[in-house]
Amino acid sequence: MSELVTQLSEALYTAFQSETFVLLSTVDEETGGPTSSAISWIYARDYSTLRFALDHRSRLVRNIMAHPRITVTVFGEETIYAINGKAEVVQDPLEGVPFKMCCFDLKIDAVRNALFYGAQLASAPTYAKVYDQRAAEMLDNQVFAAMKKA
């Protein structure tokens, strides 16, 4: 059995310093079942804390308020990591953004390799924003600046 890892490695910390996307898994507040959504407004505040922001129209906000234990799944170098912990509200609403958002910190309890035994990622998945590139960049800059101030 491997030793429990309770903070980000140097490589994961570095990866979370630039825009990346993750799967955010929560417990649905209505059904009690698992749910997962992709988000990209996330960064590492330090080696034991991830900060992320969500649009208040998202069910994820209500899910986290009702069940703060969450998992962030990130596609890293050659593998997939599941980062477990407890989320807490940092600022609600997040100030300095054009619509109502909630900012959370995830206090990391465990970082685990989530890829099945004997496998290795050949390449990490990538994504493209398919709406107005200038507007997307402006909004991303506003959200990240507001998250860093919160």
C-alpha atoms as a PDB file:
ATOM      1  CA  MET A   1       0.000   0.000   0.000  1.00  0.00           C
ATOM      2  CA  SER A   2       1.382   3.413  -0.924  1.00  0.00           C
ATOM      3  CA  GLU A   3       1.789   6.306   1.487  1.00  0.00           C
ATOM      4  CA  LEU A   4      -1.057   8.831   1.649  1.00  0.00           C
ATOM      5  CA  VAL A   5      -0.136  12.051  -0.182  1.00  0.00           C
ATOM      6  CA  THR A   6      -1.824  15.114   1.324  1.00  0.00           C
ATOM      7  CA  GLN A   7      -0.538  17.907  -0.884  1.00  0.00           C
ATOM      8  CA  LEU A   8       0.239  18.694  -4.500  1.00  0.00           C
ATOM      9  CA  SER A   9       3.525  17.586  -6.010  1.00  0.00           C
ATOM     10  CA  GLU A  10       5.754  20.253  -7.555  1.00  0.00           C
ATOM     11  CA  ALA A  11       4.554  19.196 -11.044  1.00  0.00           C
ATOM     12  CA  LEU A  12       0.862  19.434 -10.081  1.00  0.00           C
ATOM     13  CA  TYR A  13       1.371  22.755  -8.306  1.00  0.00           C
ATOM     14  CA  THR A  14       3.075  24.125 -11.433  1.00  0.00           C
ATOM     15  CA  ALA A  15       0.295  22.771 -13.675  1.00  0.00           C
ATOM     16  CA  PHE A  16      -2.292  24.600 -11.553  1.00  0.00           C
ATOM     17  CA  GLN A  17      -0.475  27.930 -12.028  1.00  0.00           C
ATOM     18  CA  SER A  18      -1.745  28.230 -15.594  1.00  0.00           C
ATOM     19  CA  GLU A  19      -5.166  27.627 -17.088  1.00  0.00           C
ATOM     20  CA  THR A  20      -6.182  24.003 -16.989  1.00  0.00           C
ATOM     21  CA  PHE A  21      -9.431  22.144 -16.867  1.00  0.00           C
ATOM     22  CA  VAL A  22     -10.538  19.618 -14.303  1.00  0.00           C
ATOM     23  CA  LEU A  23     -13.554  17.485 -13.518  1.00  0.00           C
ATOM     24  CA  LEU A  24     -15.272  18.645 -10.336  1.00  0.00           C
ATOM     25  CA  SER A  25     -17.214  15.848  -8.657  1.00  0.00           C
ATOM     26  CA  THR A  26     -19.855  16.639  -6.057  1.00  0.00           C
ATOM     27  CA  VAL A  27     -22.829  14.993  -4.388  1.00  0.00           C
ATOM     28  CA  ASP A  28     -26.077  16.234  -5.935  1.00  0.00           C
ATOM     29  CA  GLU A  29     -28.060  18.077  -3.262  1.00  0.00           C
ATOM     30  CA  GLU A  30     -31.405  16.814  -4.580  1.00  0.00           C
ATOM     31  CA  THR A  31     -30.740  13.200  -5.540  1.00  0.00           C
ATOM     32  CA  GLY A  32     -27.787  12.369  -3.288  1.00  0.00           C
ATOM     33  CA  GLY A  33     -26.050  10.827  -6.294  1.00  0.00           C
ATOM     34  CA  PRO A  34     -22.653  11.682  -7.749  1.00  0.00           C
ATOM     35  CA  THR A  35     -22.273  14.367 -10.391  1.00  0.00           C
ATOM     36  CA  SER A  36     -19.276  15.619 -12.339  1.00  0.00           C
ATOM     37  CA  SER A  37     -18.688  18.774 -14.401  1.00  0.00           C
ATOM     38  CA  ALA A  38     -15.700  20.283 -16.185  1.00  0.00           C
ATOM     39  CA  ILE A  39     -14.426  23.638 -14.884  1.00  0.00           C
ATOM     40  CA  SER A  40     -11.416  25.787 -15.753  1.00  0.00           C
ATOM     41  CA  TRP A  41     -11.462  28.650 -13.237  1.00  0.00           C
ATOM     42  CA  ILE A  42      -9.140  26.908 -10.798  1.00  0.00           C
ATOM     43  CA  TYR A  43      -5.582  27.413  -9.550  1.00  0.00           C
ATOM     44  CA  ALA A  44      -3.332  26.293  -6.688  1.00  0.00           C
ATOM     45  CA  ARG A  45      -3.057  28.881  -3.918  1.00  0.00           C
ATOM     46  CA  ASP A  46      -0.395  26.727  -2.293  1.00  0.00           C
ATOM     47  CA  TYR A  47       0.516  23.039  -2.132  1.00  0.00           C
ATOM     48  CA  SER A  48      -2.466  22.161   0.065  1.00  0.00           C
ATOM     49  CA  THR A  49      -5.204  24.456  -1.320  1.00  0.00           C
ATOM     50  CA  LEU A  50      -6.960  24.757  -4.670  1.00  0.00           C
ATOM     51  CA  ARG A  51      -9.093  27.865  -5.282  1.00  0.00           C
ATOM     52  CA  PHE A  52     -11.917  27.781  -7.823  1.00  0.00           C
ATOM     53  CA  ALA A  53     -14.896  29.872  -8.877  1.00  0.00           C
ATOM     54  CA  LEU A  54     -18.336  28.810 -10.058  1.00  0.00           C
ATOM     55  CA  ASP A  55     -21.212  30.646 -11.676  1.00  0.00           C
ATOM     56  CA  HIS A  56     -24.114  30.815  -9.219  1.00  0.00           C
ATOM     57  CA  ARG A  57     -26.422  29.424 -11.906  1.00  0.00           C
ATOM     58  CA  SER A  58     -24.517  26.135 -11.647  1.00  0.00           C
ATOM     59  CA  ARG A  59     -25.974  23.322  -9.535  1.00  0.00           C
ATOM     60  CA  LEU A  60     -22.429  22.763  -8.302  1.00  0.00           C
ATOM     61  CA  VAL A  61     -22.701  25.734  -5.926  1.00  0.00           C
ATOM     62  CA  ARG A  62     -25.772  24.277  -4.193  1.00  0.00           C
ATOM     63  CA  ASN A  63     -24.229  20.811  -4.196  1.00  0.00           C
ATOM     64  CA  ILE A  64     -21.058  22.033  -2.455  1.00  0.00           C
ATOM     65  CA  MET A  65     -23.021  24.094   0.074  1.00  0.00           C
ATOM     66  CA  ALA A  66     -24.997  20.968   1.013  1.00  0.00           C
ATOM     67  CA  HIS A  67     -22.096  18.473   0.747  1.00  0.00           C
ATOM     68  CA  PRO A  68     -18.679  20.185   0.934  1.00  0.00           C
ATOM     69  CA  ARG A  69     -16.600  17.013   0.408  1.00  0.00           C
ATOM     70  CA  ILE A  70     -15.576  17.032  -3.261  1.00  0.00           C
ATOM     71  CA  THR A  71     -13.109  15.545  -5.724  1.00  0.00           C
ATOM     72  CA  VAL A  72     -11.145  17.395  -8.385  1.00  0.00           C
ATOM     73  CA  THR A  73      -9.872  15.122 -11.164  1.00  0.00           C
ATOM     74  CA  VAL A  74      -6.979  16.474 -13.210  1.00  0.00           C
ATOM     75  CA  PHE A  75      -5.222  14.980 -16.217  1.00  0.00           C
ATOM     76  CA  GLY A  76      -1.517  15.318 -15.463  1.00  0.00           C
ATOM     77  CA  GLU A  77       1.728  14.226 -17.014  1.00  0.00           C
ATOM     78  CA  GLU A  78       1.134  10.608 -18.046  1.00  0.00           C
ATOM     79  CA  THR A  79      -1.571   9.970 -15.433  1.00  0.00           C
ATOM     80  CA  ILE A  80      -4.831  11.147 -13.870  1.00  0.00           C
ATOM     81  CA  TYR A  81      -5.020  12.484 -10.316  1.00  0.00           C
ATOM     82  CA  ALA A  82      -8.016  12.544  -7.970  1.00  0.00           C
ATOM     83  CA  ILE A  83      -7.683  15.327  -5.400  1.00  0.00           C
ATOM     84  CA  ASN A  84     -10.054  14.928  -2.459  1.00  0.00           C
ATOM     85  CA  GLY A  85     -10.930  17.412   0.229  1.00  0.00           C
ATOM     86  CA  LYS A  86     -13.416  19.759   1.787  1.00  0.00           C
ATOM     87  CA  ALA A  87     -14.512  22.953   0.041  1.00  0.00           C
ATOM     88  CA  GLU A  88     -15.276  26.157   1.896  1.00  0.00           C
ATOM     89  CA  VAL A  89     -16.628  29.478   0.672  1.00  0.00           C
ATOM     90  CA  VAL A  90     -13.996  32.210   0.378  1.00  0.00           C
ATOM     91  CA  GLN A  91     -16.168  34.961  -1.111  1.00  0.00           C
ATOM     92  CA  ASP A  92     -19.838  34.972  -2.121  1.00  0.00           C
ATOM     93  CA  PRO A  93     -20.491  36.763  -4.339  1.00  0.00           C
ATOM     94  CA  LEU A  94     -17.047  37.053  -5.883  1.00  0.00           C
ATOM     95  CA  GLU A  95     -16.284  40.761  -6.283  1.00  0.00           C
ATOM     96  CA  GLY A  96     -15.036  42.236  -9.548  1.00  0.00           C
ATOM     97  CA  VAL A  97     -16.739  39.923 -12.034  1.00  0.00           C
ATOM     98  CA  PRO A  98     -19.682  40.756 -14.323  1.00  0.00           C
ATOM     99  CA  PHE A  99     -22.079  38.113 -12.939  1.00  0.00           C
ATOM    100  CA  LYS A 100     -22.759  36.392  -9.643  1.00  0.00           C
ATOM    101  CA  MET A 101     -20.098  33.809  -8.802  1.00  0.00           C
ATOM    102  CA  CYS A 102     -18.989  31.966  -5.694  1.00  0.00           C
ATOM    103  CA  CYS A 103     -15.307  31.459  -4.827  1.00  0.00           C
ATOM    104  CA  PHE A 104     -14.238  28.327  -2.920  1.00  0.00           C
ATOM    105  CA  ASP A 105     -11.064  26.902  -1.441  1.00  0.00           C
ATOM    106  CA  LEU A 106     -10.532  23.152  -1.509  1.00  0.00           C
ATOM    107  CA  LYS A 107      -8.446  22.081   1.483  1.00  0.00           C
ATOM    108  CA  ILE A 108      -6.674  18.988   0.183  1.00  0.00           C
ATOM    109  CA  ASP A 109      -6.944  15.764   2.201  1.00  0.00           C
ATOM    110  CA  ALA A 110      -5.515  13.360  -0.387  1.00  0.00           C
ATOM    111  CA  VAL A 111      -3.946  13.280  -3.853  1.00  0.00           C
ATOM    112  CA  ARG A 112      -4.222   9.888  -5.539  1.00  0.00           C
ATOM    113  CA  ASN A 113      -3.216   8.425  -8.873  1.00  0.00           C
ATOM    114  CA  ALA A 114      -6.608   7.571 -10.390  1.00  0.00           C
ATOM    115  CA  LEU A 115      -5.461   5.804 -13.538  1.00  0.00           C
ATOM    116  CA  PHE A 116      -5.889   2.047 -13.633  1.00  0.00           C
ATOM    117  CA  TYR A 117      -2.855  -0.113 -12.959  1.00  0.00           C
ATOM    118  CA  GLY A 118      -0.447  -0.569 -15.834  1.00  0.00           C
ATOM    119  CA  ALA A 119      -1.751   2.377 -17.860  1.00  0.00           C
ATOM    120  CA  GLN A 120      -0.153   5.668 -18.828  1.00  0.00           C
ATOM    121  CA  LEU A 121      -1.695   8.661 -20.626  1.00  0.00           C
ATOM    122  CA  ALA A 122      -0.228   9.027 -24.089  1.00  0.00           C
ATOM    123  CA  SER A 123      -1.258  12.697 -24.072  1.00  0.00           C
ATOM    124  CA  ALA A 124      -3.288  14.972 -21.861  1.00  0.00           C
ATOM    125  CA  PRO A 125      -6.652  16.089 -23.261  1.00  0.00           C
ATOM    126  CA  THR A 126      -6.907  19.624 -24.606  1.00  0.00           C
ATOM    127  CA  TYR A 127      -9.855  21.914 -25.202  1.00  0.00           C
ATOM    128  CA  ALA A 128     -10.678  24.960 -27.297  1.00  0.00           C
ATOM    129  CA  LYS A 129     -12.988  27.822 -26.432  1.00  0.00           C
ATOM    130  CA  VAL A 130     -15.428  28.130 -29.294  1.00  0.00           C
ATOM    131  CA  TYR A 131     -16.918  31.519 -28.487  1.00  0.00           C
ATOM    132  CA  ASP A 132     -15.467  35.027 -28.906  1.00  0.00           C
ATOM    133  CA  GLN A 133     -11.756  34.557 -28.057  1.00  0.00           C
ATOM    134  CA  ARG A 134     -11.297  38.173 -26.943  1.00  0.00           C
ATOM    135  CA  ALA A 135     -14.346  38.044 -24.661  1.00  0.00           C
ATOM    136  CA  ALA A 136     -13.237  34.687 -23.222  1.00  0.00           C
ATOM    137  CA  GLU A 137      -9.767  36.013 -22.422  1.00  0.00           C
ATOM    138  CA  MET A 138     -11.172  39.182 -20.842  1.00  0.00           C
ATOM    139  CA  LEU A 139     -13.594  37.190 -18.650  1.00  0.00           C
ATOM    140  CA  ASP A 140     -10.888  34.686 -17.649  1.00  0.00           C
ATOM    141  CA  ASN A 141      -8.592  37.558 -16.633  1.00  0.00           C
ATOM    142  CA  GLN A 142     -11.371  39.193 -14.564  1.00  0.00           C
ATOM    143  CA  VAL A 143     -12.268  35.950 -12.787  1.00  0.00           C
ATOM    144  CA  PHE A 144      -8.671  34.959 -11.973  1.00  0.00           C
ATOM    145  CA  ALA A 145      -7.833  38.491 -10.759  1.00  0.00           C
ATOM    146  CA  ALA A 146     -10.934  38.487  -8.518  1.00  0.00           C
ATOM    147  CA  MET A 147     -10.117  34.999  -7.170  1.00  0.00           C
ATOM    148  CA  LYS A 148      -6.574  36.096  -6.259  1.00  0.00           C
ATOM    149  CA  LYS A 149      -7.948  39.136  -4.387  1.00  0.00           C
ATOM    150  CA  ALA A 150     -10.599  37.137  -2.487  1.00  0.00           C
END
